[in-house]
Amino acid sequence: MPDPPIPSYSLLSVSLSGRPHGDERVSRWNGGKLQLHTHLRSILIICVATSFFWGLSAKRAGQTDQLEAMGHDVFLDIALTAEDSVANLSPIASLETAASDPLDVVKFDRWSASGEGAISVPYTSAILEEERDRILEQMNHSSAGLKRWVGTEIDRTRQTIEDLDSRIEARIESMIPALATVPVPVPVAVSSQQQKVERMIYPIVQLRGNGTVGSGVVVSSEMVDENLWATWIVTAYHVVEEVRDFALDDVVVNEIRFFDPEIGRLGSEVFRGLEIASLKDSDLSLVRVDRVSPWPFIAESASEPVCLKLSVFDTVYAVGCPLGNQPLPTFGEISSQYKPVGDEIFWMVSAPTFFGNSGGGIFLSGEGQLVGISSMIYTYGKRSPMVVPHMGLFVPLQTVRSWLRREGFAHLMDPTAAVTPVPASSGPDKALNGVSGSF
């Protein structure tokens, strides 16, 4: 009975012992070599594809080992063998496995066209350990190289920044001489603190009498004769009316004190003053005080052009003797230029004023020039009036100047105006004897 046909796939099978089949089966295989050729091509394609993707994956991981390279060579040998259709092919390859240890010995034998011996490459656990150590060493080397590269880049970046800073500093230093040659306007203070004191505090006088106190502003001091100097004070009409000596027919103020710069307060010396001119509607009064020496601290009156340019929000100081104190300055602004009182127009200031400020001066904060005379303060309530200190009324200097011109004293505020002679007989003593002294 003939043997059954041997399937083509059994021609590639190997026994567990690794030995090939008998000679009779080899002869039968030669009879079916055409079918084997077809199957070998299919196996070739599968093996080549598997080897390609296997090798590609290993290359990406950087861990291609000798076993994979050897398997790739086996597949290439099979391909070369299969391409030769007339070659005397014989399966002489064997796969031997040691059952004692899976990692002990593994042999891969190549297919040979001549049918002679096989090449075996042992792949043991020692090789795996060596390969792992090699991979770890490469990783450590790569890590060290990466650290060196990062450190180098950091140093290079730091050096670049330092170079850039040096260039910027050099550029700035090169520009400094050029900037130094450009004239820079330096703001110059119009007046120092001491000048403000001399212009706004020292010209203020205090008027007392009948338990009432008020203020006045020295606007001029002129020589009458060798030992007599007439000092002129502009104040409020209602102040003079309240502090005057009612025992006399003439309007005389018996207690007037000047500021003493040496002691920094009002002096103890008391002077007597005579009202020379007055304007009740505008709340103005001109008082003359005779001294044996000139009074050096005179309020500087603002010129007419300056007065015409005054506006709301111009900053000013209100200086007077509130509640009997020595001259005190308060700061504020011109808040209104139109406040009708009777037939007269007053201006309003936001600088706080109180009882005793009346007759004092309103000065520009910058130059310290006189621009008005304090007159009234706002109150509200009938039974117990309350003062509104930031709503003080003052007579603008233009009104004061016009009044003095009409009275013949324009020169007191305008040195260029014609000086009106002051007769010696118009002193306070003569006035007490019936001479009014009003020009």
Protein backbone atom coordinates (compact mmCIF):
# COMPACT_ATOMS: atom_id res chain seq x y z
CA MET A 1 0.00 0.00 0.00
CA PRO A 2 1.58 3.29 -1.04
CA ASP A 3 2.30 5.94 1.56
CA PRO A 4 -0.15 8.83 1.72
CA PRO A 5 0.98 12.11 0.13
CA ILE A 6 2.94 14.36 2.42
CA PRO A 7 1.53 17.87 2.81
CA SER A 8 3.83 20.60 1.66
CA TYR A 9 3.89 22.31 5.04
CA SER A 10 5.26 19.11 6.64
CA LEU A 11 8.36 19.48 4.55
CA LEU A 12 9.38 22.45 6.72
CA SER A 13 8.56 20.81 10.01
CA VAL A 14 11.31 19.65 12.32
CA SER A 15 11.26 17.12 15.09
CA LEU A 16 11.81 17.91 18.70
CA SER A 17 15.15 16.20 18.48
CA GLY A 18 16.17 18.51 15.65
CA ARG A 19 16.91 15.61 13.18
CA PRO A 20 15.57 15.65 9.54
CA HIS A 21 13.18 12.98 8.06
CA GLY A 22 14.34 9.89 6.11
CA ASP A 23 15.65 9.78 2.53
CA GLU A 24 12.43 8.40 1.16
CA ARG A 25 10.53 11.48 2.21
CA VAL A 26 13.17 13.69 0.68
CA SER A 27 12.65 12.01 -2.66
CA ARG A 28 8.93 12.53 -2.43
CA TRP A 29 9.53 16.18 -1.58
CA ASN A 30 11.55 16.52 -4.77
CA GLY A 31 8.46 15.42 -6.63
CA GLY A 32 6.46 18.27 -5.14
CA LYS A 33 9.04 21.01 -5.40
CA LEU A 34 6.77 23.17 -7.49
CA GLN A 35 4.27 23.41 -4.67
CA LEU A 36 7.10 24.08 -2.24
CA HIS A 37 8.33 26.92 -4.39
CA THR A 38 4.93 28.62 -4.19
CA HIS A 39 4.71 28.24 -0.43
CA LEU A 40 8.26 29.44 0.02
CA ARG A 41 7.43 32.66 -1.81
CA SER A 42 4.52 33.30 0.54
CA ILE A 43 6.65 32.52 3.56
CA LEU A 44 9.39 34.75 2.10
CA ILE A 45 7.05 37.71 1.83
CA ILE A 46 5.76 37.23 5.38
CA CYS A 47 9.28 36.82 6.79
CA VAL A 48 10.71 39.82 4.97
CA ALA A 49 7.80 42.03 6.13
CA THR A 50 8.09 40.77 9.69
CA SER A 51 11.85 41.32 9.68
CA PHE A 52 11.44 44.84 8.30
CA PHE A 53 8.95 45.97 10.89
CA TRP A 54 10.81 44.17 13.65
CA GLY A 55 14.07 45.87 12.72
CA LEU A 56 12.35 49.25 12.32
CA SER A 57 10.82 49.01 15.79
CA ALA A 58 14.14 48.04 17.31
CA LYS A 59 15.95 50.91 15.60
CA ARG A 60 13.44 53.39 17.00
CA ALA A 61 14.03 52.11 20.50
CA GLY A 62 17.78 52.08 19.90
CA GLN A 63 17.97 48.48 21.11
CA THR A 64 18.62 46.32 18.01
CA ASP A 65 20.50 43.25 19.15
CA GLN A 66 22.46 40.44 17.61
CA LEU A 67 19.50 38.04 17.68
CA GLU A 68 17.38 40.30 15.48
CA ALA A 69 20.24 40.89 13.08
CA MET A 70 20.82 37.16 12.82
CA GLY A 71 17.14 36.46 12.19
CA HIS A 72 17.16 39.10 9.47
CA ASP A 73 20.11 37.32 7.85
CA VAL A 74 18.23 34.01 7.99
CA PHE A 75 15.28 35.51 6.14
CA LEU A 76 17.56 36.99 3.50
CA ASP A 77 19.25 33.61 3.02
CA ILE A 78 15.88 31.99 2.52
CA ALA A 79 14.98 34.60 -0.05
CA LEU A 80 18.20 34.05 -1.96
CA THR A 81 17.68 30.31 -1.87
CA ALA A 82 14.08 30.51 -3.03
CA GLU A 83 14.98 32.70 -5.99
CA ASP A 84 17.03 29.90 -7.52
CA SER A 85 14.37 27.55 -9.01
CA VAL A 86 16.88 24.93 -10.18
CA ALA A 87 18.97 24.75 -7.04
CA ASN A 88 19.07 21.53 -5.14
CA LEU A 89 17.32 22.79 -1.97
CA SER A 90 17.36 20.65 1.14
CA PRO A 91 16.14 21.52 4.63
CA ILE A 92 19.22 21.00 6.74
CA ALA A 93 18.38 23.65 9.30
CA SER A 94 17.40 22.64 12.77
CA LEU A 95 16.14 24.41 15.84
CA GLU A 96 17.53 23.08 19.08
CA THR A 97 16.13 24.09 22.36
CA ALA A 98 17.36 23.24 25.84
CA ALA A 99 14.46 22.39 28.11
CA SER A 100 16.42 23.06 31.26
CA ASP A 101 16.57 26.89 30.94
CA PRO A 102 14.74 28.98 28.31
CA LEU A 103 17.60 31.47 28.32
CA ASP A 104 20.34 28.87 28.33
CA VAL A 105 21.07 28.19 24.66
CA VAL A 106 19.20 29.11 21.50
CA LYS A 107 20.62 28.22 18.08
CA PHE A 108 19.50 29.58 14.72
CA ASP A 109 20.86 27.71 11.71
CA ARG A 110 20.84 29.18 8.22
CA TRP A 111 19.37 27.53 5.22
CA SER A 112 22.20 26.45 2.95
CA ALA A 113 21.95 25.78 -0.79
CA SER A 114 24.82 23.31 -0.60
CA GLY A 115 23.27 21.38 2.26
CA GLU A 116 26.39 21.72 4.37
CA GLY A 117 26.55 22.52 8.13
CA ALA A 118 24.79 25.35 9.99
CA ILE A 119 26.03 28.48 11.72
CA SER A 120 24.86 28.65 15.36
CA VAL A 121 24.95 31.79 17.50
CA PRO A 122 24.37 31.25 21.21
CA TYR A 123 22.22 33.96 22.89
CA THR A 124 22.51 33.44 26.66
CA SER A 125 21.40 35.37 29.79
CA ALA A 126 24.93 36.73 30.06
CA ILE A 127 24.57 38.32 26.64
CA LEU A 128 21.22 39.80 27.67
CA GLU A 129 22.82 41.23 30.82
CA GLU A 130 25.70 42.60 28.80
CA GLU A 131 23.30 44.13 26.31
CA ARG A 132 21.26 45.71 29.06
CA ASP A 133 24.40 47.17 30.63
CA ARG A 134 25.45 48.47 27.24
CA ILE A 135 22.05 50.16 26.72
CA LEU A 136 22.15 51.68 30.22
CA GLU A 137 25.65 52.93 29.58
CA GLN A 138 24.52 54.53 26.32
CA MET A 139 21.56 56.14 28.09
CA ASN A 140 23.81 57.48 30.85
CA HIS A 141 26.23 58.75 28.25
CA SER A 142 23.39 60.41 26.35
CA SER A 143 22.05 61.94 29.58
CA ALA A 144 25.46 63.31 30.47
CA GLY A 145 25.84 64.69 26.96
CA LEU A 146 22.40 66.32 27.19
CA LYS A 147 23.34 67.91 30.51
CA ARG A 148 26.56 69.23 29.03
CA TRP A 149 24.68 70.63 26.03
CA VAL A 150 22.07 72.35 28.22
CA GLY A 151 24.80 73.77 30.45
CA THR A 152 26.68 75.02 27.42
CA GLU A 153 23.54 76.70 26.02
CA ILE A 154 22.82 78.33 29.38
CA ASP A 155 26.36 79.67 29.58
CA ARG A 156 26.16 80.91 26.01
CA THR A 157 22.83 82.65 26.69
CA ARG A 158 24.22 84.25 29.86
CA GLN A 159 27.24 85.47 27.98
CA THR A 160 25.02 86.91 25.27
CA ILE A 161 22.95 88.79 27.87
CA GLU A 162 26.09 90.12 29.56
CA ASP A 163 27.44 91.30 26.23
CA LEU A 164 24.14 93.01 25.48
CA ASP A 165 24.17 94.74 28.87
CA SER A 166 27.69 95.93 28.25
CA ARG A 167 26.70 97.34 24.88
CA ILE A 168 23.70 99.12 26.39
CA GLU A 169 25.80 100.63 29.17
CA ALA A 170 28.40 101.74 26.65
CA ARG A 171 25.69 103.33 24.53
CA ILE A 172 24.26 105.16 27.55
CA GLU A 173 27.67 106.39 28.60
CA SER A 174 28.32 107.64 25.09
CA MET A 175 25.03 109.57 25.21
CA ILE A 176 25.67 111.24 28.58
CA PRO A 177 28.08 113.90 27.28
CA ALA A 178 25.63 114.79 24.54
CA LEU A 179 22.82 115.15 27.05
CA ALA A 180 25.03 117.24 29.29
CA THR A 181 25.48 119.79 26.54
CA VAL A 182 21.72 120.31 26.23
CA PRO A 183 20.64 123.15 28.51
CA VAL A 184 18.07 121.91 30.99
CA PRO A 185 15.80 124.61 32.35
CA VAL A 186 16.09 124.65 36.13
CA PRO A 187 12.97 125.92 37.86
CA VAL A 188 13.86 128.91 39.95
CA ALA A 189 11.73 129.58 42.99
CA VAL A 190 10.11 132.97 42.74
CA SER A 191 10.54 133.52 46.44
CA SER A 192 12.07 131.61 49.28
CA GLN A 193 10.25 130.92 52.52
CA GLN A 194 11.95 133.90 54.13
CA GLN A 195 10.92 136.14 51.25
CA LYS A 196 7.32 134.99 51.65
CA VAL A 197 7.45 135.86 55.33
CA GLU A 198 8.87 139.29 54.59
CA ARG A 199 6.34 140.01 51.86
CA MET A 200 3.18 138.61 53.45
CA ILE A 201 3.67 138.38 57.24
CA TYR A 202 5.76 141.40 58.21
CA PRO A 203 3.51 143.99 56.46
CA ILE A 204 0.49 142.92 58.54
CA VAL A 205 -0.41 144.98 61.63
CA GLN A 206 -2.91 144.38 64.39
CA LEU A 207 -5.55 146.97 65.43
CA ARG A 208 -7.16 146.70 68.87
CA GLY A 209 -9.76 148.62 70.82
CA ASN A 210 -13.05 148.26 72.66
CA GLY A 211 -12.51 144.52 73.06
CA THR A 212 -12.30 144.07 69.30
CA VAL A 213 -9.38 143.13 67.12
CA GLY A 214 -8.73 143.50 63.40
CA SER A 215 -5.92 143.60 60.86
CA GLY A 216 -4.33 146.04 58.44
CA VAL A 217 -1.74 146.09 55.63
CA VAL A 218 1.18 148.48 55.39
CA VAL A 219 1.26 149.81 51.82
CA SER A 220 3.78 152.64 52.12
CA SER A 221 6.24 154.39 54.44
CA GLU A 222 7.44 157.86 53.41
CA MET A 223 9.52 160.53 55.06
CA VAL A 224 7.76 163.66 56.27
CA ASP A 225 10.84 165.28 57.79
CA GLU A 226 14.11 164.14 59.24
CA ASN A 227 12.65 162.52 62.32
CA LEU A 228 9.16 161.71 61.10
CA TRP A 229 8.00 158.96 58.78
CA ALA A 230 4.39 158.50 57.72
CA THR A 231 3.45 154.81 57.53
CA TRP A 232 0.24 154.14 55.60
CA ILE A 233 -2.09 151.26 56.42
CA VAL A 234 -5.08 150.07 54.38
CA THR A 235 -7.69 148.24 56.41
CA ALA A 236 -11.43 147.59 56.56
CA TYR A 237 -13.80 150.42 57.36
CA HIS A 238 -15.79 148.41 59.87
CA VAL A 239 -12.61 147.43 61.76
CA VAL A 240 -11.69 151.09 62.34
CA GLU A 241 -15.24 151.89 63.39
CA GLU A 242 -15.15 149.14 66.01
CA VAL A 243 -11.71 149.82 67.50
CA ARG A 244 -11.67 153.64 67.34
CA ASP A 245 -11.57 155.90 70.37
CA PHE A 246 -15.12 157.22 70.66
CA ALA A 247 -14.04 159.91 73.13
CA LEU A 248 -12.44 161.86 70.30
CA ASP A 249 -14.09 163.65 67.45
CA ASP A 250 -11.54 162.37 64.96
CA VAL A 251 -11.28 158.71 64.07
CA VAL A 252 -8.24 157.57 66.02
CA VAL A 253 -7.03 154.05 66.73
CA ASN A 254 -5.04 154.02 69.95
CA GLU A 255 -3.51 150.53 69.76
CA ILE A 256 -1.67 149.41 66.64
CA ARG A 257 1.13 146.83 66.80
CA PHE A 258 3.70 145.96 64.15
CA PHE A 259 5.38 142.59 63.69
CA ASP A 260 8.84 142.38 65.24
CA PRO A 261 11.10 140.17 63.07
CA GLU A 262 13.72 139.92 65.83
CA ILE A 263 11.39 138.11 68.21
CA GLY A 264 9.18 136.51 65.53
CA ARG A 265 5.89 137.92 66.81
CA LEU A 266 4.00 141.17 67.30
CA GLY A 267 6.08 143.80 69.04
CA SER A 268 5.23 145.23 72.42
CA GLU A 269 5.45 148.84 71.23
CA VAL A 270 2.04 150.41 70.65
CA PHE A 271 1.44 153.05 67.98
CA ARG A 272 -1.41 155.49 67.42
CA GLY A 273 -3.11 155.85 64.06
CA LEU A 274 -5.41 158.37 62.42
CA GLU A 275 -7.99 157.56 59.77
CA ILE A 276 -7.21 159.77 56.80
CA ALA A 277 -9.77 158.49 54.28
CA SER A 278 -12.57 155.94 54.21
CA LEU A 279 -15.16 154.42 51.90
CA LYS A 280 -18.01 152.78 53.80
CA ASP A 281 -19.70 151.08 50.83
CA SER A 282 -16.48 149.36 49.79
CA ASP A 283 -15.47 148.74 53.44
CA LEU A 284 -12.13 150.54 53.05
CA SER A 285 -10.15 152.79 55.34
CA LEU A 286 -6.72 154.47 55.12
CA VAL A 287 -4.86 154.96 58.42
CA ARG A 288 -1.66 156.90 58.96
CA VAL A 289 0.87 156.06 61.69
CA ASP A 290 3.79 158.37 62.40
CA ARG A 291 7.09 156.71 63.30
CA VAL A 292 10.53 158.07 63.97
CA SER A 293 11.97 155.58 61.49
CA PRO A 294 10.69 154.07 58.28
CA TRP A 295 8.97 150.69 58.33
CA PRO A 296 10.95 148.52 55.89
CA PHE A 297 8.37 145.78 55.29
CA ILE A 298 5.89 147.09 52.75
CA ALA A 299 3.32 144.97 50.92
CA GLU A 300 4.05 144.82 47.20
CA SER A 301 0.88 145.74 45.36
CA ALA A 302 0.14 143.79 42.20
CA SER A 303 0.22 145.90 39.05
CA GLU A 304 -2.91 146.64 37.08
CA PRO A 305 -2.00 144.17 34.28
CA VAL A 306 -1.55 141.42 36.90
CA CYS A 307 -4.86 142.29 38.54
CA LEU A 308 -6.65 142.18 35.19
CA LYS A 309 -5.36 138.65 34.56
CA LEU A 310 -6.54 137.26 37.89
CA SER A 311 -9.01 134.41 37.60
CA VAL A 312 -10.85 131.81 39.57
CA PHE A 313 -8.51 129.01 40.76
CA ASP A 314 -5.56 131.38 41.17
CA THR A 315 -3.92 130.35 44.41
CA VAL A 316 -3.63 132.90 47.18
CA TYR A 317 -2.83 133.34 50.87
CA ALA A 318 -5.13 135.12 53.29
CA VAL A 319 -3.01 136.74 56.06
CA GLY A 320 -4.48 138.41 59.12
CA CYS A 321 -4.79 138.30 62.92
CA PRO A 322 -7.77 136.01 63.57
CA LEU A 323 -9.07 136.03 67.15
CA GLY A 324 -6.25 138.34 68.25
CA ASN A 325 -3.39 136.05 67.16
CA GLN A 326 -0.25 137.23 65.47
CA PRO A 327 -0.43 137.32 61.63
CA LEU A 328 -1.32 133.86 60.31
CA PRO A 329 -1.40 132.73 56.65
CA THR A 330 -4.03 130.37 55.24
CA PHE A 331 -3.94 128.92 51.75
CA GLY A 332 -6.74 128.80 49.19
CA GLU A 333 -7.97 129.96 45.81
CA ILE A 334 -9.95 132.77 44.33
CA SER A 335 -13.31 131.02 44.18
CA SER A 336 -15.47 133.81 42.77
CA GLN A 337 -14.98 137.22 41.18
CA TYR A 338 -18.57 138.34 41.51
CA LYS A 339 -20.40 138.66 44.81
CA PRO A 340 -22.66 141.72 44.99
CA VAL A 341 -23.07 143.27 48.43
CA GLY A 342 -25.19 146.40 48.23
CA ASP A 343 -23.84 148.42 45.33
CA GLU A 344 -20.33 146.98 45.52
CA ILE A 345 -18.80 143.85 43.95
CA PHE A 346 -16.66 141.69 46.20
CA TRP A 347 -14.57 138.66 45.39
CA MET A 348 -14.62 135.38 47.28
CA VAL A 349 -11.68 133.34 48.54
CA SER A 350 -11.59 129.72 49.75
CA ALA A 351 -8.67 130.32 52.14
CA PRO A 352 -10.09 129.99 55.67
CA THR A 353 -10.73 133.33 57.39
CA PHE A 354 -12.25 134.12 60.77
CA PHE A 355 -13.05 137.02 63.10
CA GLY A 356 -9.96 139.23 63.16
CA ASN A 357 -8.94 138.59 59.54
CA SER A 358 -10.89 141.66 58.41
CA GLY A 359 -8.57 144.35 57.06
CA GLY A 360 -5.82 141.78 56.39
CA GLY A 361 -4.28 141.08 52.99
CA ILE A 362 -4.95 138.61 50.17
CA PHE A 363 -1.64 137.75 48.47
CA LEU A 364 -0.75 135.77 45.36
CA SER A 365 0.90 132.54 46.48
CA GLY A 366 3.79 132.78 44.02
CA GLU A 367 5.06 136.35 44.02
CA GLY A 368 3.48 137.34 47.32
CA GLN A 369 1.86 140.39 45.74
CA LEU A 370 -1.12 142.06 47.37
CA VAL A 371 -4.34 141.59 45.35
CA GLY A 372 -7.07 142.43 47.88
CA ILE A 373 -8.18 143.40 51.40
CA SER A 374 -10.20 140.99 53.55
CA SER A 375 -13.62 142.36 54.34
CA MET A 376 -16.30 139.93 55.53
CA ILE A 377 -16.98 136.30 56.34
CA TYR A 378 -20.11 134.22 55.76
CA THR A 379 -22.30 133.17 58.64
CA TYR A 380 -25.57 131.27 58.83
CA GLY A 381 -28.20 130.98 61.54
CA LYS A 382 -30.05 133.80 63.27
CA ARG A 383 -29.90 132.96 66.95
CA SER A 384 -26.41 131.45 66.99
CA PRO A 385 -24.61 132.46 63.78
CA MET A 386 -22.09 129.91 62.53
CA VAL A 387 -19.06 131.02 60.54
CA VAL A 388 -18.33 129.58 57.09
CA PRO A 389 -14.56 130.14 57.02
CA HIS A 390 -13.94 129.07 53.44
CA MET A 391 -16.32 131.66 52.01
CA GLY A 392 -14.52 134.90 52.83
CA LEU A 393 -15.20 138.11 50.90
CA PHE A 394 -12.45 140.58 50.01
CA VAL A 395 -12.15 143.87 48.17
CA PRO A 396 -10.21 143.41 44.92
CA LEU A 397 -7.11 145.57 44.59
CA GLN A 398 -8.50 147.36 41.55
CA THR A 399 -11.26 148.77 43.72
CA VAL A 400 -8.71 149.82 46.36
CA ARG A 401 -6.50 151.45 43.76
CA SER A 402 -9.38 153.39 42.19
CA TRP A 403 -10.49 154.66 45.61
CA LEU A 404 -6.96 155.82 46.53
CA ARG A 405 -6.72 157.67 43.22
CA ARG A 406 -9.90 159.53 43.95
CA GLU A 407 -8.60 160.39 47.41
CA GLY A 408 -5.28 161.63 46.00
CA PHE A 409 -3.14 158.74 47.29
CA ALA A 410 -2.47 156.87 44.06
CA HIS A 411 1.27 157.02 44.77
CA LEU A 412 0.86 154.71 47.77
CA MET A 413 0.32 151.75 45.42
CA ASP A 414 1.95 153.08 42.30
CA PRO A 415 5.39 154.61 42.88
CA THR A 416 5.37 156.10 39.36
CA ALA A 417 2.30 158.19 40.14
CA ALA A 418 2.66 161.80 41.20
CA VAL A 419 3.51 162.01 44.88
CA THR A 420 1.13 164.10 46.91
CA PRO A 421 3.02 166.11 49.52
CA VAL A 422 2.19 165.31 53.12
CA PRO A 423 2.21 168.41 55.28
CA ALA A 424 3.75 168.01 58.71
CA SER A 425 0.70 169.61 60.26
CA SER A 426 -1.43 166.66 59.20
CA GLY A 427 0.02 164.35 61.85
CA PRO A 428 -2.09 162.65 64.47
CA ASP A 429 -1.43 165.37 67.04
CA LYS A 430 -2.69 168.08 64.71
CA ALA A 431 -5.66 165.94 63.77
CA LEU A 432 -6.66 165.69 67.39
CA ASN A 433 -6.81 169.50 67.48
CA GLY A 434 -9.41 169.62 64.72
CA VAL A 435 -7.43 169.07 61.52
CA SER A 436 -8.84 166.08 59.63
CA GLY A 437 -5.78 165.49 57.49
CA SER A 438 -7.93 164.25 54.63
CA PHE A 439 -6.54 165.44 51.30
